[in-house]
C-alpha cells in the first residue's frame, strides 16, 4: 500500500482537534513542563560556567579588560580573540575539554530525562480518551494524568541508552553544521577589508545564517519524531530513523500543519519576549524603578521558559496522537500471505480474508 493510499483511508483527526488534544494532555501532565524546564535550564547553567571562564581567560591572554575588548568592531575583536587562543595552545585545549565535558554531560542528562517525559506523555495520550470533544470535564483531565515517579524512572531506564545514542547523532549534526557555518563566516571575514566584496559577503552571510536556522529547525523536528517512534514502538535508533521517515512521508500534511502552528506560536512568544526585554531596559533607566527590574526579569524568564516547554509538550502530544493513528492504520493494512494463491494481500478496513 502506498503512502497516499494509507492517507486516503486513514481518516486522520483534524488539525484543530489534534492540537486541542495535545494541549489538554500537556496541561493534565503539567509537572512534565516543570521537569523539562529544569533539565534544560540546568544544561544552560552548566554551559555558562566554561563560557564565562573562557571569556575571562581570553581577556587575560589579551592583556586588556573586557570593556576595552568589547569596544572595538566585531571584525576586529573576533580575529584577535582567536589569535590569542591559537597562540596559547594549553589554554585552548583546556577550554575545549572543559566545554566538551560539560556539553556532553549536561546533554546526556537532558536526553535521559526526555526518555521519561516521552514515555509518560505517550501513556497519557493513549488513555486520555476523547478529551478534545466538548464538554470538557475534570474527570477527563484526571483520566489523562499519568504523572507518577515510578513510571517516569522506568521510562528513563528503558530508553536512556537509545536516547543518548540518538542525542549523540544530534550533537554530531550540530557540530558539522557549526563547523561549516563558522568556516564560511570567518573565511569571509578576510575579504571584508575589500569594499568591493563587502556587500556581497554580507548578503551571503545573511543567507547562510537563514539556511542554518531552517536546517537546525528541521533537524530538531525529525529528532523529536524519532524519539516518539523509539519510545512507542520500542525499536532501536536505526529502525527508529527509518520508521520516523515513513511516518513523516505517510502523514506529511497533518504533521506539517502541527509543525507550522507550533512554530508560529513559538515565533510570537519569542517576539513578545524580546519586546518585554526591551521594556525592562527602559525601566532600568528610571532610578527608583530600576530596583524592580531584576525580579521582573526573573519572572519573565520563568514565564518564557514554561511557555516554550508547554508549547513543546503540546506539539509532542499532537504528534503522539497522529502516530498512534498511523500505527492503527498500518496494522489494519499489514500484508498477509495467502497460502491458497501464493501471493500477499492487504487487509484493509472492512476487508476480510477468505
Protein backbone atom coordinates (compact mmCIF):
# COMPACT_ATOMS: atom_id res chain seq x y z
CA UNK A 1 0.00 0.00 0.00
CA UNK A 2 1.41 3.41 -0.93
CA UNK A 3 1.64 6.36 1.41
CA UNK A 4 -1.16 8.16 -0.41
CA UNK A 5 -3.45 5.15 -0.10
CA UNK A 6 -2.90 4.96 3.62
CA UNK A 7 -3.55 8.68 3.96
CA UNK A 8 -6.78 8.46 1.98
CA UNK A 9 -8.19 5.57 4.01
CA UNK A 10 -6.90 6.77 7.37
CA UNK A 11 -9.49 9.41 8.24
CA UNK A 12 -6.84 11.20 10.30
CA UNK A 13 -8.03 13.60 13.03
CA UNK A 14 -8.20 17.26 12.13
CA UNK A 15 -5.56 19.83 12.95
CA UNK A 16 -7.68 21.76 15.46
CA UNK A 17 -8.77 18.63 17.33
CA UNK A 18 -5.21 17.26 17.41
CA UNK A 19 -3.71 20.48 18.76
CA UNK A 20 -6.50 20.81 21.34
CA UNK A 21 -5.91 17.23 22.44
CA UNK A 22 -2.16 17.80 22.71
CA UNK A 23 -2.67 20.99 24.72
CA UNK A 24 -5.09 19.30 27.14
CA UNK A 25 -2.87 16.25 27.61
CA UNK A 26 0.12 18.52 28.26
CA UNK A 27 -1.93 20.56 30.75
CA UNK A 28 -3.13 17.40 32.52
CA UNK A 29 0.53 16.38 32.94
CA UNK A 30 1.84 19.84 33.80
CA UNK A 31 4.66 18.58 36.09
CA UNK A 32 6.41 17.37 32.94
CA UNK A 33 6.61 21.01 31.82
CA UNK A 34 8.50 21.83 35.01
CA UNK A 35 10.74 18.77 34.63
CA UNK A 36 11.75 19.73 31.10
CA UNK A 37 12.28 23.35 32.12
CA UNK A 38 14.58 22.37 34.99
CA UNK A 39 16.53 19.93 32.80
CA UNK A 40 17.18 22.43 30.01
CA UNK A 41 17.90 25.27 32.45
CA UNK A 42 20.45 23.05 34.19
CA UNK A 43 22.18 22.40 30.87
CA UNK A 44 22.33 26.12 30.08
CA UNK A 45 23.63 26.92 33.55
CA UNK A 46 26.33 24.28 33.28
CA UNK A 47 27.39 25.55 29.86
CA UNK A 48 27.63 29.09 31.21
CA UNK A 49 30.45 28.10 33.57
CA UNK A 50 33.15 27.24 30.96
CA UNK A 51 31.92 30.03 28.65
CA UNK A 52 32.36 32.70 31.33
CA UNK A 53 35.69 31.18 32.27
CA UNK A 54 36.74 31.25 28.62
CA UNK A 55 35.85 34.94 28.35
CA UNK A 56 37.99 35.79 31.38
CA UNK A 57 40.74 33.58 30.01
CA UNK A 58 40.74 35.39 26.67
CA UNK A 59 40.72 38.78 28.38
CA UNK A 60 43.73 37.80 30.49
CA UNK A 61 45.57 36.40 27.49
CA UNK A 62 44.93 39.58 25.51
CA UNK A 63 46.19 41.77 28.34
CA UNK A 64 43.12 44.04 28.19
CA UNK A 65 39.96 44.43 30.21
CA UNK A 66 36.57 43.32 28.93
CA UNK A 67 35.31 46.87 28.36
CA UNK A 68 38.21 47.76 26.10
CA UNK A 69 37.92 44.45 24.28
CA UNK A 70 34.23 44.87 23.54
CA UNK A 71 34.58 48.49 22.47
CA UNK A 72 36.02 47.58 19.08
CA UNK A 73 34.24 46.38 15.98
CA UNK A 74 33.27 42.74 15.60
CA UNK A 75 35.58 42.13 12.67
CA UNK A 76 38.49 43.40 14.82
CA UNK A 77 37.57 41.52 18.00
CA UNK A 78 36.98 38.05 16.52
CA UNK A 79 40.39 37.62 14.83
CA UNK A 80 42.12 38.99 17.94
CA UNK A 81 40.33 36.57 20.28
CA UNK A 82 41.04 33.58 18.07
CA UNK A 83 44.64 34.68 17.66
CA UNK A 84 45.02 34.76 21.45
CA UNK A 85 43.64 31.25 21.76
CA UNK A 86 45.70 29.98 18.84
CA UNK A 87 48.93 31.23 20.34
CA UNK A 88 48.14 29.64 23.72
CA UNK A 89 47.56 26.02 22.88
CA UNK A 90 47.30 24.78 26.52
CA UNK A 91 44.60 27.37 27.26
CA UNK A 92 42.73 26.47 24.08
CA UNK A 93 42.91 22.75 24.87
CA UNK A 94 41.81 23.29 28.48
CA UNK A 95 38.86 25.43 27.43
CA UNK A 96 37.83 22.97 24.71
CA UNK A 97 37.99 19.99 27.09
CA UNK A 98 36.03 21.81 29.82
CA UNK A 99 33.34 22.93 27.41
CA UNK A 100 33.13 19.49 25.78
CA UNK A 101 32.81 17.64 29.09
CA UNK A 102 30.07 19.98 30.30
CA UNK A 103 28.25 19.83 26.97
CA UNK A 104 28.29 16.04 26.78
CA UNK A 105 27.38 15.51 30.43
CA UNK A 106 24.61 18.09 30.50
CA UNK A 107 23.20 16.91 27.18
CA UNK A 108 23.18 13.31 28.38
CA UNK A 109 21.13 14.41 31.39
CA UNK A 110 18.53 16.08 29.16
CA UNK A 111 18.39 13.00 26.89
CA UNK A 112 17.72 10.69 29.83
CA UNK A 113 15.04 12.97 31.27
CA UNK A 114 13.40 13.25 27.87
CA UNK A 115 13.02 9.46 27.83
CA UNK A 116 10.83 9.57 30.92
CA UNK A 117 8.88 12.55 29.58
CA UNK A 118 8.05 10.96 26.23
CA UNK A 119 7.19 7.65 27.86
CA UNK A 120 4.76 9.24 30.34
CA UNK A 121 3.17 11.56 27.79
CA UNK A 122 2.67 8.67 25.35
CA UNK A 123 0.88 6.69 28.07
CA UNK A 124 -1.23 9.72 28.97
CA UNK A 125 -2.22 10.37 25.37
CA UNK A 126 -3.16 6.73 24.82
CA UNK A 127 -5.53 6.62 27.80
CA UNK A 128 -6.92 10.17 27.53
CA UNK A 129 -9.99 9.11 25.53
CA UNK A 130 -11.88 11.77 23.56
CA UNK A 131 -10.64 14.57 25.79
CA UNK A 132 -10.74 17.05 22.91
CA UNK A 133 -14.50 16.73 22.49
CA UNK A 134 -16.68 19.15 24.46
CA UNK A 135 -17.78 19.48 27.14
CA UNK A 136 -14.50 19.41 29.00
CA UNK A 137 -14.86 17.77 32.39
CA UNK A 138 -12.48 17.44 35.30
CA UNK A 139 -12.81 13.64 35.10
CA UNK A 140 -11.35 13.71 31.59
CA UNK A 141 -8.37 15.73 32.81
CA UNK A 142 -7.79 13.31 35.66
CA UNK A 143 -8.02 10.34 33.29
CA UNK A 144 -5.32 11.88 31.09
CA UNK A 145 -3.00 12.41 34.05
CA UNK A 146 -0.23 9.80 34.04
CA UNK A 147 2.20 11.53 36.40
CA UNK A 148 3.98 9.09 38.72
CA UNK A 149 7.60 8.84 39.71
CA UNK A 150 7.99 5.09 39.14
CA UNK A 151 6.75 5.05 35.50
CA UNK A 152 8.90 8.12 34.81
CA UNK A 153 12.02 6.40 36.14
CA UNK A 154 11.12 3.23 34.25
CA UNK A 155 10.86 5.26 31.03
CA UNK A 156 14.26 6.83 31.70
CA UNK A 157 15.80 3.42 32.37
CA UNK A 158 14.19 1.79 29.35
CA UNK A 159 15.12 4.46 26.83
CA UNK A 160 18.27 6.12 28.10
CA UNK A 161 20.75 4.13 26.01
CA UNK A 162 18.87 4.68 22.77
CA UNK A 163 18.13 8.32 23.55
CA UNK A 164 21.76 9.04 24.42
CA UNK A 165 22.84 7.38 21.16
CA UNK A 166 20.27 9.38 19.20
CA UNK A 167 21.31 12.54 21.05
CA UNK A 168 24.92 11.85 20.11
CA UNK A 169 23.87 11.79 16.46
CA UNK A 170 22.09 15.11 17.00
CA UNK A 171 25.19 16.68 18.56
CA UNK A 172 27.28 15.37 15.66
CA UNK A 173 24.94 17.07 13.18
CA UNK A 174 25.17 20.27 15.24
CA UNK A 175 28.96 20.04 15.23
CA UNK A 176 29.27 19.53 11.48
CA UNK A 177 26.79 22.34 10.80
CA UNK A 178 28.61 24.75 13.13
CA UNK A 179 31.98 23.87 11.62
CA UNK A 180 30.81 24.53 8.08
CA UNK A 181 28.98 27.72 9.06
CA UNK A 182 31.86 29.27 11.01
CA UNK A 183 34.36 28.23 8.34
CA UNK A 184 32.26 30.16 5.83
CA UNK A 185 31.77 33.20 8.07
CA UNK A 186 35.34 33.53 9.34
CA UNK A 187 36.72 32.77 5.91
CA UNK A 188 34.68 35.65 4.56
CA UNK A 189 35.95 37.99 7.27
CA UNK A 190 39.29 38.07 5.49
CA UNK A 191 37.58 39.60 2.47
CA UNK A 192 35.64 42.25 4.38
CA UNK A 193 38.50 44.72 4.07
CA UNK A 194 37.83 44.91 0.34
CA UNK A 195 34.88 47.33 -0.21
CA UNK A 196 34.02 45.64 -3.48
CA UNK A 197 33.01 42.37 -1.82
CA UNK A 198 31.66 43.74 1.50
CA UNK A 199 28.03 43.99 0.36
CA UNK A 200 28.06 40.64 -1.41
CA UNK A 201 29.60 38.87 1.58
CA UNK A 202 27.04 40.45 3.93
CA UNK A 203 24.17 39.16 1.80
CA UNK A 204 25.81 35.74 1.56
CA UNK A 205 26.34 35.60 5.35
CA UNK A 206 22.68 36.50 5.94
CA UNK A 207 21.55 33.82 3.51
CA UNK A 208 23.85 31.25 5.13
CA UNK A 209 22.51 32.14 8.59
CA UNK A 210 18.92 31.73 7.36
CA UNK A 211 19.74 28.35 5.84
CA UNK A 212 21.36 27.21 9.09
CA UNK A 213 18.30 28.26 11.15
CA UNK A 214 15.93 26.39 8.83
CA UNK A 215 18.19 23.34 8.76
CA UNK A 216 18.51 23.16 12.57
CA UNK A 217 14.73 23.57 12.94
CA UNK A 218 14.08 20.66 10.59
CA UNK A 219 16.72 18.53 12.30
CA UNK A 220 15.12 19.13 15.70
CA UNK A 221 11.70 18.35 14.24
CA UNK A 222 12.81 14.99 12.84
CA UNK A 223 14.76 14.29 16.05
CA UNK A 224 11.55 14.67 18.09
CA UNK A 225 9.61 12.37 15.76
CA UNK A 226 12.36 9.76 16.04
CA UNK A 227 12.17 9.95 19.82
CA UNK A 228 8.42 9.27 19.58
CA UNK A 229 8.92 6.26 17.32
CA UNK A 230 11.64 4.78 19.53
CA UNK A 231 9.57 5.18 22.70
CA UNK A 232 6.21 4.00 21.34
CA UNK A 233 7.36 1.21 19.00
CA UNK A 234 10.28 0.17 21.23
CA UNK A 235 12.81 -0.05 18.40
CA UNK A 236 16.46 0.86 18.00
CA UNK A 237 17.90 4.10 16.68
CA UNK A 238 18.41 2.96 13.08
CA UNK A 239 14.99 1.40 12.84
CA UNK A 240 13.52 4.45 14.55
CA UNK A 241 15.03 6.76 11.96
CA UNK A 242 13.62 4.68 9.10
CA UNK A 243 10.18 4.42 10.67
CA UNK A 244 10.11 8.11 11.52
CA UNK A 245 10.84 8.91 7.88
CA UNK A 246 8.00 6.65 6.78
CA UNK A 247 5.72 8.26 9.38
CA UNK A 248 6.52 11.72 8.01
CA UNK A 249 6.01 10.60 4.43
CA UNK A 250 2.66 8.98 5.25
CA UNK A 251 1.24 11.78 7.42
CA UNK A 252 3.08 14.75 5.93
CA UNK A 253 0.10 17.08 5.65
CA UNK A 254 -1.08 16.55 9.23
CA UNK A 255 2.40 16.72 10.72
CA UNK A 256 3.32 19.81 8.70
CA UNK A 257 0.17 21.53 9.95
CA UNK A 258 1.09 20.88 13.60
CA UNK A 259 4.66 21.96 12.96
CA UNK A 260 3.56 25.20 11.29
CA UNK A 261 1.09 26.21 14.01
CA UNK A 262 3.51 25.47 16.85
CA UNK A 263 6.32 27.28 15.03
CA UNK A 264 4.06 30.32 14.59
CA UNK A 265 3.14 30.31 18.28
CA UNK A 266 6.80 29.95 19.26
CA UNK A 267 7.70 32.88 17.00
CA UNK A 268 5.01 35.05 18.58
CA UNK A 269 6.23 34.09 22.05
CA UNK A 270 9.82 34.94 21.06
CA UNK A 271 8.80 38.36 19.75
CA UNK A 272 6.85 39.02 22.95
CA UNK A 273 9.91 38.03 24.98
CA UNK A 274 12.13 40.42 23.01
CA UNK A 275 9.65 43.27 23.47
CA UNK A 276 9.46 42.55 27.22
CA UNK A 277 13.25 42.56 27.47
CA UNK A 278 13.40 45.93 25.71
CA UNK A 279 10.77 47.26 28.11
CA UNK A 280 12.83 46.14 31.10
CA UNK A 281 15.77 48.03 29.64
CA UNK A 282 13.71 51.23 29.57
CA UNK A 283 12.52 50.65 33.14
CA UNK A 284 16.14 50.26 34.23
CA UNK A 285 16.82 53.86 33.14
CA UNK A 286 14.49 55.15 35.87
CA UNK A 287 16.49 55.34 39.14
CA UNK A 288 13.79 54.20 41.56
CA UNK A 289 12.04 51.73 39.29
CA UNK A 290 15.34 50.17 38.31
CA UNK A 291 15.34 48.18 41.57
CA UNK A 292 12.31 46.22 40.33
CA UNK A 293 13.96 45.12 37.08
CA UNK A 294 15.72 42.05 38.48
CA UNK A 295 12.59 40.41 39.96
CA UNK A 296 10.68 41.21 36.78
CA UNK A 297 13.42 39.72 34.64
CA UNK A 298 13.42 36.54 36.74
CA UNK A 299 9.63 36.31 36.47
CA UNK A 300 9.78 36.87 32.70
CA UNK A 301 12.47 34.21 32.37
CA UNK A 302 10.32 31.70 34.25
CA UNK A 303 7.20 32.53 32.25
CA UNK A 304 9.08 32.33 28.97
CA UNK A 305 10.65 29.01 29.88
CA UNK A 306 7.37 27.43 30.96
CA UNK A 307 5.50 28.74 27.90
CA UNK A 308 8.06 27.31 25.49
CA UNK A 309 8.14 23.97 27.29
CA UNK A 310 4.34 23.82 27.29
CA UNK A 311 4.29 24.50 23.54
CA UNK A 312 6.88 21.76 23.04
CA UNK A 313 4.82 19.23 25.01
CA UNK A 314 1.65 20.31 23.18
CA UNK A 315 3.37 19.54 19.88
CA UNK A 316 4.65 16.27 21.31
CA UNK A 317 1.13 15.26 22.35
CA UNK A 318 -0.25 16.16 18.93
CA UNK A 319 2.46 14.13 17.17
CA UNK A 320 1.74 11.21 19.50
CA UNK A 321 -1.93 11.35 18.51
CA UNK A 322 -1.12 11.14 14.81
CA UNK A 323 1.49 8.46 15.39
CA UNK A 324 -0.99 6.30 17.32
CA UNK A 325 -3.49 6.74 14.49
CA UNK A 326 -0.78 5.95 11.94
CA UNK A 327 0.06 2.71 13.76
CA UNK A 328 -3.61 1.72 13.80
CA UNK A 329 -3.99 2.26 10.06
CA UNK A 330 -0.71 0.45 9.36
CA UNK A 331 -1.85 -2.52 11.47
CA UNK A 332 -5.10 -2.78 9.52
CA UNK A 333 -3.20 -2.58 6.23
CA UNK A 334 -0.50 -5.15 7.06
CA UNK A 335 0.14 -7.55 4.14
CA UNK A 336 -0.89 -11.15 4.92
CA UNK A 337 0.44 -14.03 2.85
CA UNK A 338 -2.41 -16.07 1.33
CA UNK A 339 -1.47 -19.77 1.10
CA UNK A 340 -4.27 -20.57 -1.36
CA UNK A 341 -2.94 -18.47 -4.24
CA UNK A 342 0.66 -17.89 -3.16
CA UNK A 343 0.51 -14.08 -3.05
CA UNK A 344 0.34 -11.36 -0.44
CA UNK A 345 -2.87 -9.50 0.20
CA UNK A 346 -3.50 -6.36 2.24
CA UNK A 347 -6.09 -6.40 4.96
CA UNK A 348 -7.84 -3.09 4.52
CA UNK A 349 -10.51 -1.74 6.88
CA UNK A 350 -13.71 -3.61 6.12
CA UNK A 351 -11.98 -6.33 4.08
CA UNK A 352 -11.81 -9.86 5.42
CA UNK A 353 -9.60 -12.68 4.29
CA UNK A 354 -11.42 -15.72 2.87
